[in-house]
Amino acid sequence: MAKDAITLLDHLGWKKAHVFGHSMGSMIACKLAAMVPDRVLSLALLNATGGGFQCLPKFERRTFSVAYRFLKAKSPEQRAEVDLDTHYSQVKLVLGFVDYLL
């Protein structure tokens, strides 16, 4: 995927760029920066991991339940609902949103 990003930079005619990556995008952004460091003006990473097996979740009952719900979701809205339920509690969603507004 980092090669795809380099191809996009070339297609757009961008010699250098500021690069931001979130989650898996952080790993891709790191790979991009390692492959073409002279083209990366800055690198910002959010929710990054080092990759590898240590970042894989434990295979617990809940893991399979979430995977099943994702597979069963038929629309982007249903997938978003599963994503929100999986990563955020209702309290966090409400309080986080309030904090964002303040």
PDB file of N, CA and C in Angstrom:
ATOM      1  N   MET A   1       0.813  -1.193   0.000  1.00  0.00           N
ATOM      2  CA  MET A   1       0.000   0.000   0.000  1.00  0.00           C
ATOM      3  C   MET A   1       0.861   1.264   0.000  1.00  0.00           C
ATOM      4  N   ALA A   2       2.051   1.171   0.585  1.00  0.00           N
ATOM      5  CA  ALA A   2       2.950   2.319   0.543  1.00  0.00           C
ATOM      6  C   ALA A   2       3.354   2.608  -0.898  1.00  0.00           C
ATOM      7  N   LYS A   3       3.532   1.538  -1.680  1.00  0.00           N
ATOM      8  CA  LYS A   3       3.852   1.727  -3.101  1.00  0.00           C
ATOM      9  C   LYS A   3       2.706   2.436  -3.820  1.00  0.00           C
ATOM     10  N   ASP A   4       1.462   2.121  -3.428  1.00  0.00           N
ATOM     11  CA  ASP A   4       0.306   2.809  -4.011  1.00  0.00           C
ATOM     12  C   ASP A   4       0.348   4.302  -3.694  1.00  0.00           C
ATOM     13  N   ALA A   5       0.735   4.632  -2.463  1.00  0.00           N
ATOM     14  CA  ALA A   5       0.828   6.042  -2.070  1.00  0.00           C
ATOM     15  C   ALA A   5       1.913   6.760  -2.873  1.00  0.00           C
ATOM     16  N   ILE A   6       3.026   6.078  -3.103  1.00  0.00           N
ATOM     17  CA  ILE A   6       4.103   6.663  -3.915  1.00  0.00           C
ATOM     18  C   ILE A   6       3.619   6.878  -5.343  1.00  0.00           C
ATOM     19  N   THR A   7       2.896   5.909  -5.871  1.00  0.00           N
ATOM     20  CA  THR A   7       2.334   6.038  -7.221  1.00  0.00           C
ATOM     21  C   THR A   7       1.379   7.225  -7.290  1.00  0.00           C
ATOM     22  N   LEU A   8       0.574   7.411  -6.246  1.00  0.00           N
ATOM     23  CA  LEU A   8      -0.345   8.553  -6.202  1.00  0.00           C
ATOM     24  C   LEU A   8       0.424   9.870  -6.163  1.00  0.00           C
ATOM     25  N   LEU A   9       1.468   9.947  -5.350  1.00  0.00           N
ATOM     26  CA  LEU A   9       2.296  11.159  -5.311  1.00  0.00           C
ATOM     27  C   LEU A   9       2.853  11.465  -6.697  1.00  0.00           C
ATOM     28  N   ASP A  10       3.351  10.444  -7.363  1.00  0.00           N
ATOM     29  CA  ASP A  10       3.894  10.621  -8.715  1.00  0.00           C
ATOM     30  C   ASP A  10       2.815  11.103  -9.678  1.00  0.00           C
ATOM     31  N   HIS A  11       1.648  10.481  -9.615  1.00  0.00           N
ATOM     32  CA  HIS A  11       0.538  10.843 -10.504  1.00  0.00           C
ATOM     33  C   HIS A  11       0.117  12.299 -10.299  1.00  0.00           C
ATOM     34  N   LEU A  12       0.101  12.735  -9.040  1.00  0.00           N
ATOM     35  CA  LEU A  12      -0.291  14.111  -8.736  1.00  0.00           C
ATOM     36  C   LEU A  12       0.827  15.112  -9.016  1.00  0.00           C
ATOM     37  N   GLY A  13       2.027  14.603  -9.247  1.00  0.00           N
ATOM     38  CA  GLY A  13       3.163  15.480  -9.504  1.00  0.00           C
ATOM     39  C   GLY A  13       3.722  16.106  -8.237  1.00  0.00           C
ATOM     40  N   TRP A  14       3.445  15.497  -7.097  1.00  0.00           N
ATOM     41  CA  TRP A  14       3.932  16.020  -5.821  1.00  0.00           C
ATOM     42  C   TRP A  14       5.316  15.440  -5.546  1.00  0.00           C
ATOM     43  N   LYS A  15       6.304  16.307  -5.443  1.00  0.00           N
ATOM     44  CA  LYS A  15       7.665  15.860  -5.147  1.00  0.00           C
ATOM     45  C   LYS A  15       7.808  15.483  -3.676  1.00  0.00           C
ATOM     46  N   LYS A  16       7.107  16.240  -2.800  1.00  0.00           N
ATOM     47  CA  LYS A  16       7.171  16.011  -1.352  1.00  0.00           C
ATOM     48  C   LYS A  16       5.780  16.217  -0.770  1.00  0.00           C
ATOM     49  N   ALA A  17       5.554  15.630   0.408  1.00  0.00           N
ATOM     50  CA  ALA A  17       4.245  15.769   1.044  1.00  0.00           C
ATOM     51  C   ALA A  17       4.369  15.606   2.554  1.00  0.00           C
ATOM     52  N   HIS A  18       3.429  16.213   3.262  1.00  0.00           N
ATOM     53  CA  HIS A  18       3.247  15.953   4.684  1.00  0.00           C
ATOM     54  C   HIS A  18       2.381  14.699   4.750  1.00  0.00           C
ATOM     55  N   VAL A  19       2.762  13.734   5.565  1.00  0.00           N
ATOM     56  CA  VAL A  19       2.074  12.442   5.592  1.00  0.00           C
ATOM     57  C   VAL A  19       1.446  12.227   6.966  1.00  0.00           C
ATOM     58  N   PHE A  20       0.169  11.841   6.955  1.00  0.00           N
ATOM     59  CA  PHE A  20      -0.565  11.530   8.182  1.00  0.00           C
ATOM     60  C   PHE A  20      -1.127  10.121   8.059  1.00  0.00           C
ATOM     61  N   GLY A  21      -0.983   9.330   9.111  1.00  0.00           N
ATOM     62  CA  GLY A  21      -1.534   7.983   9.102  1.00  0.00           C
ATOM     63  C   GLY A  21      -2.258   7.684  10.390  1.00  0.00           C
ATOM     64  N   HIS A  22      -3.382   6.976  10.279  1.00  0.00           N
ATOM     65  CA  HIS A  22      -4.166   6.565  11.447  1.00  0.00           C
ATOM     66  C   HIS A  22      -4.317   5.049  11.437  1.00  0.00           C
ATOM     67  N   SER A  23      -4.044   4.422  12.563  1.00  0.00           N
ATOM     68  CA  SER A  23      -4.198   2.981  12.738  1.00  0.00           C
ATOM     69  C   SER A  23      -3.353   2.240  11.700  1.00  0.00           C
ATOM     70  N   MET A  24      -3.977   1.442  10.847  1.00  0.00           N
ATOM     71  CA  MET A  24      -3.199   0.736   9.823  1.00  0.00           C
ATOM     72  C   MET A  24      -2.506   1.728   8.897  1.00  0.00           C
ATOM     73  N   GLY A  25      -3.133   2.875   8.676  1.00  0.00           N
ATOM     74  CA  GLY A  25      -2.521   3.919   7.863  1.00  0.00           C
ATOM     75  C   GLY A  25      -1.210   4.408   8.459  1.00  0.00           C
ATOM     76  N   SER A  26      -1.069   4.296   9.790  1.00  0.00           N
ATOM     77  CA  SER A  26       0.196   4.668  10.435  1.00  0.00           C
ATOM     78  C   SER A  26       1.318   3.744   9.996  1.00  0.00           C
ATOM     79  N   MET A  27       0.996   2.458   9.915  1.00  0.00           N
ATOM     80  CA  MET A  27       2.018   1.500   9.465  1.00  0.00           C
ATOM     81  C   MET A  27       2.381   1.753   8.002  1.00  0.00           C
ATOM     82  N   ILE A  28       1.373   2.074   7.201  1.00  0.00           N
ATOM     83  CA  ILE A  28       1.623   2.373   5.786  1.00  0.00           C
ATOM     84  C   ILE A  28       2.442   3.650   5.666  1.00  0.00           C
ATOM     85  N   ALA A  29       2.099   4.669   6.468  1.00  0.00           N
ATOM     86  CA  ALA A  29       2.835   5.933   6.438  1.00  0.00           C
ATOM     87  C   ALA A  29       4.291   5.724   6.843  1.00  0.00           C
ATOM     88  N   CYS A  30       4.530   4.879   7.848  1.00  0.00           N
ATOM     89  CA  CYS A  30       5.908   4.577   8.263  1.00  0.00           C
ATOM     90  C   CYS A  30       6.674   3.890   7.141  1.00  0.00           C
ATOM     91  N   LYS A  31       6.029   2.945   6.487  1.00  0.00           N
ATOM     92  CA  LYS A  31       6.666   2.240   5.366  1.00  0.00           C
ATOM     93  C   LYS A  31       6.974   3.224   4.240  1.00  0.00           C
ATOM     94  N   LEU A  32       6.033   4.122   3.962  1.00  0.00           N
ATOM     95  CA  LEU A  32       6.239   5.150   2.939  1.00  0.00           C
ATOM     96  C   LEU A  32       7.455   6.005   3.289  1.00  0.00           C
ATOM     97  N   ALA A  33       7.521   6.448   4.538  1.00  0.00           N
ATOM     98  CA  ALA A  33       8.645   7.285   4.971  1.00  0.00           C
ATOM     99  C   ALA A  33       9.970   6.533   4.896  1.00  0.00           C
ATOM    100  N   ALA A  34       9.938   5.234   5.157  1.00  0.00           N
ATOM    101  CA  ALA A  34      11.161   4.431   5.065  1.00  0.00           C
ATOM    102  C   ALA A  34      11.584   4.219   3.613  1.00  0.00           C
ATOM    103  N   MET A  35      10.599   4.119   2.725  1.00  0.00           N
ATOM    104  CA  MET A  35      10.904   3.858   1.313  1.00  0.00           C
ATOM    105  C   MET A  35      11.402   5.099   0.581  1.00  0.00           C
ATOM    106  N   VAL A  36      10.793   6.254   0.876  1.00  0.00           N
ATOM    107  CA  VAL A  36      11.168   7.498   0.183  1.00  0.00           C
ATOM    108  C   VAL A  36      11.283   8.646   1.196  1.00  0.00           C
ATOM    109  N   PRO A  37      12.258   8.573   2.108  1.00  0.00           N
ATOM    110  CA  PRO A  37      12.362   9.585   3.159  1.00  0.00           C
ATOM    111  C   PRO A  37      12.557  11.004   2.630  1.00  0.00           C
ATOM    112  N   ASP A  38      13.163  11.134   1.470  1.00  0.00           N
ATOM    113  CA  ASP A  38      13.401  12.458   0.894  1.00  0.00           C
ATOM    114  C   ASP A  38      12.109  13.126   0.417  1.00  0.00           C
ATOM    115  N   ARG A  39      11.022  12.376   0.295  1.00  0.00           N
ATOM    116  CA  ARG A  39       9.757  12.939  -0.188  1.00  0.00           C
ATOM    117  C   ARG A  39       8.790  13.267   0.948  1.00  0.00           C
ATOM    118  N   VAL A  40       9.143  12.905   2.187  1.00  0.00           N
ATOM    119  CA  VAL A  40       8.259  13.112   3.336  1.00  0.00           C
ATOM    120  C   VAL A  40       8.716  14.347   4.107  1.00  0.00           C
ATOM    121  N   LEU A  41       7.889  15.406   4.051  1.00  0.00           N
ATOM    122  CA  LEU A  41       8.216  16.645   4.760  1.00  0.00           C
ATOM    123  C   LEU A  41       8.001  16.498   6.260  1.00  0.00           C
ATOM    124  N   SER A  42       6.930  15.820   6.648  1.00  0.00           N
ATOM    125  CA  SER A  42       6.654  15.545   8.052  1.00  0.00           C
ATOM    126  C   SER A  42       5.825  14.275   8.123  1.00  0.00           C
ATOM    127  N   LEU A  43       5.847  13.650   9.295  1.00  0.00           N
ATOM    128  CA  LEU A  43       5.134  12.395   9.487  1.00  0.00           C
ATOM    129  C   LEU A  43       4.362  12.488  10.790  1.00  0.00           C
ATOM    130  N   ALA A  44       3.036  12.376  10.724  1.00  0.00           N
ATOM    131  CA  ALA A  44       2.179  12.401  11.912  1.00  0.00           C
ATOM    132  C   ALA A  44       1.435  11.074  11.989  1.00  0.00           C
ATOM    133  N   LEU A  45       1.501  10.427  13.157  1.00  0.00           N
ATOM    134  CA  LEU A  45       0.884   9.113  13.330  1.00  0.00           C
ATOM    135  C   LEU A  45      -0.104   9.155  14.487  1.00  0.00           C
ATOM    136  N   LEU A  46      -1.262   8.544  14.286  1.00  0.00           N
ATOM    137  CA  LEU A  46      -2.293   8.477  15.324  1.00  0.00           C
ATOM    138  C   LEU A  46      -2.709   7.022  15.495  1.00  0.00           C
ATOM    139  N   ASN A  47      -2.759   6.564  16.740  1.00  0.00           N
ATOM    140  CA  ASN A  47      -3.126   5.176  17.053  1.00  0.00           C
ATOM    141  C   ASN A  47      -2.239   4.190  16.299  1.00  0.00           C
ATOM    142  N   ALA A  48      -0.944   4.426  16.374  1.00  0.00           N
ATOM    143  CA  ALA A  48       0.022   3.579  15.670  1.00  0.00           C
ATOM    144  C   ALA A  48       0.453   2.407  16.545  1.00  0.00           C
ATOM    145  N   THR A  49       0.788   1.295  15.891  1.00  0.00           N
ATOM    146  CA  THR A  49       1.396   0.159  16.586  1.00  0.00           C
ATOM    147  C   THR A  49       2.666  -0.203  15.836  1.00  0.00           C
ATOM    148  N   GLY A  50       3.469  -1.001  16.473  1.00  0.00           N
ATOM    149  CA  GLY A  50       4.696  -1.453  15.833  1.00  0.00           C
ATOM    150  C   GLY A  50       4.459  -2.558  14.821  1.00  0.00           C
ATOM    151  N   GLY A  51       3.234  -3.054  14.779  1.00  0.00           N
ATOM    152  CA  GLY A  51       2.919  -4.141  13.862  1.00  0.00           C
ATOM    153  C   GLY A  51       3.348  -5.476  14.430  1.00  0.00           C
ATOM    154  N   GLY A  52       3.234  -6.486  13.630  1.00  0.00           N
ATOM    155  CA  GLY A  52       3.633  -7.815  14.062  1.00  0.00           C
ATOM    156  C   GLY A  52       2.565  -8.515  14.888  1.00  0.00           C
ATOM    157  N   PHE A  53       2.914  -9.694  15.380  1.00  0.00           N
ATOM    158  CA  PHE A  53       1.941 -10.524  16.084  1.00  0.00           C
ATOM    159  C   PHE A  53       1.520  -9.949  17.427  1.00  0.00           C
ATOM    160  N   GLN A  54       2.365  -9.146  18.063  1.00  0.00           N
ATOM    161  CA  GLN A  54       2.016  -8.622  19.371  1.00  0.00           C
ATOM    162  C   GLN A  54       0.816  -7.678  19.327  1.00  0.00           C
ATOM    163  N   CYS A  55       0.446  -7.179  18.159  1.00  0.00           N
ATOM    164  CA  CYS A  55      -0.690  -6.258  18.089  1.00  0.00           C
ATOM    165  C   CYS A  55      -1.984  -6.967  17.695  1.00  0.00           C
ATOM    166  N   LEU A  56      -1.934  -8.282  17.463  1.00  0.00           N
ATOM    167  CA  LEU A  56      -3.150  -9.012  17.131  1.00  0.00           C
ATOM    168  C   LEU A  56      -3.977  -9.231  18.393  1.00  0.00           C
ATOM    169  N   PRO A  57      -5.293  -9.093  18.295  1.00  0.00           N
ATOM    170  CA  PRO A  57      -6.127  -9.309  19.481  1.00  0.00           C
ATOM    171  C   PRO A  57      -6.159 -10.785  19.867  1.00  0.00           C
ATOM    172  N   LYS A  58      -6.439 -11.041  21.133  1.00  0.00           N
ATOM    173  CA  LYS A  58      -6.625 -12.419  21.573  1.00  0.00           C
ATOM    174  C   LYS A  58      -7.889 -12.953  20.911  1.00  0.00           C
ATOM    175  N   PHE A  59      -7.864 -14.219  20.578  1.00  0.00           N
ATOM    176  CA  PHE A  59      -9.055 -14.830  19.995  1.00  0.00           C
ATOM    177  C   PHE A  59      -9.963 -15.291  21.125  1.00  0.00           C
ATOM    178  N   GLU A  60     -10.843 -14.399  21.516  1.00  0.00           N
ATOM    179  CA  GLU A  60     -11.802 -14.687  22.566  1.00  0.00           C
ATOM    180  C   GLU A  60     -13.193 -14.740  21.951  1.00  0.00           C
ATOM    181  N   ARG A  61     -14.145 -15.149  22.749  1.00  0.00           N
ATOM    182  CA  ARG A  61     -15.527 -15.239  22.268  1.00  0.00           C
ATOM    183  C   ARG A  61     -15.993 -13.902  21.698  1.00  0.00           C
ATOM    184  N   ARG A  62     -15.661 -12.813  22.379  1.00  0.00           N
ATOM    185  CA  ARG A  62     -16.089 -11.486  21.927  1.00  0.00           C
ATOM    186  C   ARG A  62     -15.492 -11.157  20.552  1.00  0.00           C
ATOM    187  N   THR A  63     -14.245 -11.573  20.319  1.00  0.00           N
ATOM    188  CA  THR A  63     -13.601 -11.321  19.032  1.00  0.00           C
ATOM    189  C   THR A  63     -14.399 -11.953  17.902  1.00  0.00           C
ATOM    190  N   PHE A  64     -14.797 -13.198  18.090  1.00  0.00           N
ATOM    191  CA  PHE A  64     -15.586 -13.883  17.062  1.00  0.00           C
ATOM    192  C   PHE A  64     -16.967 -13.256  16.913  1.00  0.00           C
ATOM    193  N   SER A  65     -17.539 -12.813  18.032  1.00  0.00           N
ATOM    194  CA  SER A  65     -18.851 -12.164  17.988  1.00  0.00           C
ATOM    195  C   SER A  65     -18.791 -10.881  17.165  1.00  0.00           C
ATOM    196  N   VAL A  66     -17.760 -10.081  17.393  1.00  0.00           N
ATOM    197  CA  VAL A  66     -17.597  -8.830  16.642  1.00  0.00           C
ATOM    198  C   VAL A  66     -17.347  -9.131  15.170  1.00  0.00           C
ATOM    199  N   ALA A  67     -16.488 -10.113  14.894  1.00  0.00           N
ATOM    200  CA  ALA A  67     -16.203 -10.477  13.500  1.00  0.00           C
ATOM    201  C   ALA A  67     -17.483 -10.920  12.795  1.00  0.00           C
ATOM    202  N   TYR A  68     -18.301 -11.693  13.479  1.00  0.00           N
ATOM    203  CA  TYR A  68     -19.566 -12.151  12.897  1.00  0.00           C
ATOM    204  C   TYR A  68     -20.483 -10.967  12.606  1.00  0.00           C
ATOM    205  N   ARG A  69     -20.556 -10.021  13.540  1.00  0.00           N
ATOM    206  CA  ARG A  69     -21.412  -8.837  13.330  1.00  0.00           C
ATOM    207  C   ARG A  69     -20.923  -8.019  12.135  1.00  0.00           C
ATOM    208  N   PHE A  70     -19.608  -7.894  11.975  1.00  0.00           N
ATOM    209  CA  PHE A  70     -19.068  -7.166  10.817  1.00  0.00           C
ATOM    210  C   PHE A  70     -19.424  -7.882   9.516  1.00  0.00           C
ATOM    211  N   LEU A  71     -19.284  -9.202   9.522  1.00  0.00           N
ATOM    212  CA  LEU A  71     -19.601  -9.965   8.314  1.00  0.00           C
ATOM    213  C   LEU A  71     -21.084  -9.902   7.978  1.00  0.00           C
ATOM    214  N   LYS A  72     -21.920  -9.828   8.993  1.00  0.00           N
ATOM    215  CA  LYS A  72     -23.365  -9.793   8.807  1.00  0.00           C
ATOM    216  C   LYS A  72     -23.856  -8.411   8.363  1.00  0.00           C
ATOM    217  N   ALA A  73     -23.103  -7.370   8.682  1.00  0.00           N
ATOM    218  CA  ALA A  73     -23.505  -5.999   8.335  1.00  0.00           C
ATOM    219  C   ALA A  73     -23.549  -5.846   6.817  1.00  0.00           C
ATOM    220  N   LYS A  74     -24.642  -5.320   6.317  1.00  0.00           N
ATOM    221  CA  LYS A  74     -24.843  -5.204   4.868  1.00  0.00           C
ATOM    222  C   LYS A  74     -24.612  -3.792   4.330  1.00  0.00           C
ATOM    223  N   SER A  75     -24.619  -2.810   5.204  1.00  0.00           N
ATOM    224  CA  SER A  75     -24.487  -1.428   4.731  1.00  0.00           C
ATOM    225  C   SER A  75     -23.368  -0.725   5.497  1.00  0.00           C
ATOM    226  N   PRO A  76     -22.865   0.386   4.963  1.00  0.00           N
ATOM    227  CA  PRO A  76     -21.855   1.158   5.696  1.00  0.00           C
ATOM    228  C   PRO A  76     -22.369   1.615   7.060  1.00  0.00           C
ATOM    229  N   GLU A  77     -23.659   1.932   7.136  1.00  0.00           N
ATOM    230  CA  GLU A  77     -24.237   2.376   8.406  1.00  0.00           C
ATOM    231  C   GLU A  77     -24.200   1.254   9.443  1.00  0.00           C
ATOM    232  N   GLN A  78     -24.520   0.035   9.017  1.00  0.00           N
ATOM    233  CA  GLN A  78     -24.477  -1.103   9.938  1.00  0.00           C
ATOM    234  C   GLN A  78     -23.046  -1.399  10.377  1.00  0.00           C
ATOM    235  N   ARG A  79     -22.087  -1.291   9.459  1.00  0.00           N
ATOM    236  CA  ARG A  79     -20.681  -1.513   9.819  1.00  0.00           C
ATOM    237  C   ARG A  79     -20.202  -0.427  10.782  1.00  0.00           C
ATOM    238  N   ALA A  80     -20.640   0.802  10.568  1.00  0.00           N
ATOM    239  CA  ALA A  80     -20.264   1.898  11.469  1.00  0.00           C
ATOM    240  C   ALA A  80     -20.831   1.658  12.865  1.00  0.00           C
ATOM    241  N   GLU A  81     -22.053   1.149  12.926  1.00  0.00           N
ATOM    242  CA  GLU A  81     -22.667   0.860  14.227  1.00  0.00           C
ATOM    243  C   GLU A  81     -21.873  -0.203  14.982  1.00  0.00           C
ATOM    244  N   VAL A  82     -21.458  -1.250  14.289  1.00  0.00           N
ATOM    245  CA  VAL A  82     -20.640  -2.295  14.919  1.00  0.00           C
ATOM    246  C   VAL A  82     -19.305  -1.702  15.366  1.00  0.00           C
ATOM    247  N   ASP A  83     -18.704  -0.871  14.536  1.00  0.00           N
ATOM    248  CA  ASP A  83     -17.424  -0.247  14.865  1.00  0.00           C
ATOM    249  C   ASP A  83     -17.546   0.602  16.125  1.00  0.00           C
ATOM    250  N   LEU A  84     -18.583   1.426  16.194  1.00  0.00           N
ATOM    251  CA  LEU A  84     -18.783   2.272  17.375  1.00  0.00           C
ATOM    252  C   LEU A  84     -19.036   1.429  18.620  1.00  0.00           C
ATOM    253  N   ASP A  85     -19.885   0.408  18.502  1.00  0.00           N
ATOM    254  CA  ASP A  85     -20.157  -0.471  19.646  1.00  0.00           C
ATOM    255  C   ASP A  85     -18.897  -1.184  20.113  1.00  0.00           C
ATOM    256  N   THR A  86     -18.035  -1.536  19.186  1.00  0.00           N
ATOM    257  CA  THR A  86     -16.827  -2.287  19.500  1.00  0.00           C
ATOM    258  C   THR A  86     -15.778  -1.425  20.194  1.00  0.00           C
ATOM    259  N   HIS A  87     -15.604  -0.202  19.731  1.00  0.00           N
ATOM    260  CA  HIS A  87     -14.498   0.631  20.206  1.00  0.00           C
ATOM    261  C   HIS A  87     -14.867   1.669  21.259  1.00  0.00           C
ATOM    262  N   TYR A  88     -16.146   2.001  21.378  1.00  0.00           N
ATOM    263  CA  TYR A  88     -16.534   3.076  22.286  1.00  0.00           C
ATOM    264  C   TYR A  88     -17.766   2.691  23.088  1.00  0.00           C
ATOM    265  N   SER A  89     -17.747   2.998  24.383  1.00  0.00           N
ATOM    266  CA  SER A  89     -18.942   2.803  25.196  1.00  0.00           C
ATOM    267  C   SER A  89     -19.902   3.957  24.927  1.00  0.00           C
ATOM    268  N   GLN A  90     -21.164   3.782  25.275  1.00  0.00           N
ATOM    269  CA  GLN A  90     -22.142   4.849  25.083  1.00  0.00           C
ATOM    270  C   GLN A  90     -21.750   6.088  25.889  1.00  0.00           C
ATOM    271  N   VAL A  91     -21.223   5.876  27.102  1.00  0.00           N
ATOM    272  CA  VAL A  91     -20.802   7.007  27.933  1.00  0.00           C
ATOM    273  C   VAL A  91     -19.686   7.776  27.243  1.00  0.00           C
ATOM    274  N   LYS A  92     -18.711   7.081  26.706  1.00  0.00           N
ATOM    275  CA  LYS A  92     -17.594   7.738  26.018  1.00  0.00           C
ATOM    276  C   LYS A  92     -18.084   8.495  24.793  1.00  0.00           C
ATOM    277  N   LEU A  93     -19.013   7.904  24.054  1.00  0.00           N
ATOM    278  CA  LEU A  93     -19.526   8.583  22.865  1.00  0.00           C
ATOM    279  C   LEU A  93     -20.200   9.893  23.230  1.00  0.00           C
ATOM    280  N   VAL A  94     -21.035   9.869  24.268  1.00  0.00           N
ATOM    281  CA  VAL A  94     -21.754  11.082  24.673  1.00  0.00           C
ATOM    282  C   VAL A  94     -20.794  12.093  25.277  1.00  0.00           C
ATOM    283  N   LEU A  95     -19.982  11.671  26.242  1.00  0.00           N
ATOM    284  CA  LEU A  95     -19.062  12.601  26.897  1.00  0.00           C
ATOM    285  C   LEU A  95     -17.987  13.090  25.943  1.00  0.00           C
ATOM    286  N   GLY A  96     -17.491  12.214  25.101  1.00  0.00           N
ATOM    287  CA  GLY A  96     -16.487  12.623  24.123  1.00  0.00           C
ATOM    288  C   GLY A  96     -17.032  13.658  23.171  1.00  0.00           C
ATOM    289  N   PHE A  97     -18.263  13.486  22.763  1.00  0.00           N
ATOM    290  CA  PHE A  97     -18.895  14.440  21.862  1.00  0.00           C
ATOM    291  C   PHE A  97     -19.092  15.777  22.567  1.00  0.00           C
ATOM    292  N   VAL A  98     -19.507  15.733  23.838  1.00  0.00           N
ATOM    293  CA  VAL A  98     -19.690  16.969  24.605  1.00  0.00           C
ATOM    294  C   VAL A  98     -18.355  17.680  24.756  1.00  0.00           C
ATOM    295  N   ASP A  99     -17.296  16.933  25.105  1.00  0.00           N
ATOM    296  CA  ASP A  99     -15.962  17.530  25.231  1.00  0.00           C
ATOM    297  C   ASP A  99     -15.525  18.175  23.924  1.00  0.00           C
ATOM    298  N   TYR A 100     -15.862  17.529  22.809  1.00  0.00           N
ATOM    299  CA  TYR A 100     -15.495  18.061  21.505  1.00  0.00           C
ATOM    300  C   TYR A 100     -16.183  19.399  21.254  1.00  0.00           C
ATOM    301  N   LEU A 101     -17.439  19.508  21.669  1.00  0.00           N
ATOM    302  CA  LEU A 101     -18.184  20.749  21.454  1.00  0.00           C
ATOM    303  C   LEU A 101     -17.669  21.881  22.325  1.00  0.00           C
ATOM    304  N   LEU A 102     -17.150  21.546  23.507  1.00  0.00           N
ATOM    305  CA  LEU A 102     -16.658  22.578  24.422  1.00  0.00           C
ATOM    306  C   LEU A 102     -15.316  22.996  23.988  1.00  0.00           C
TER     307      LEU A 102
END
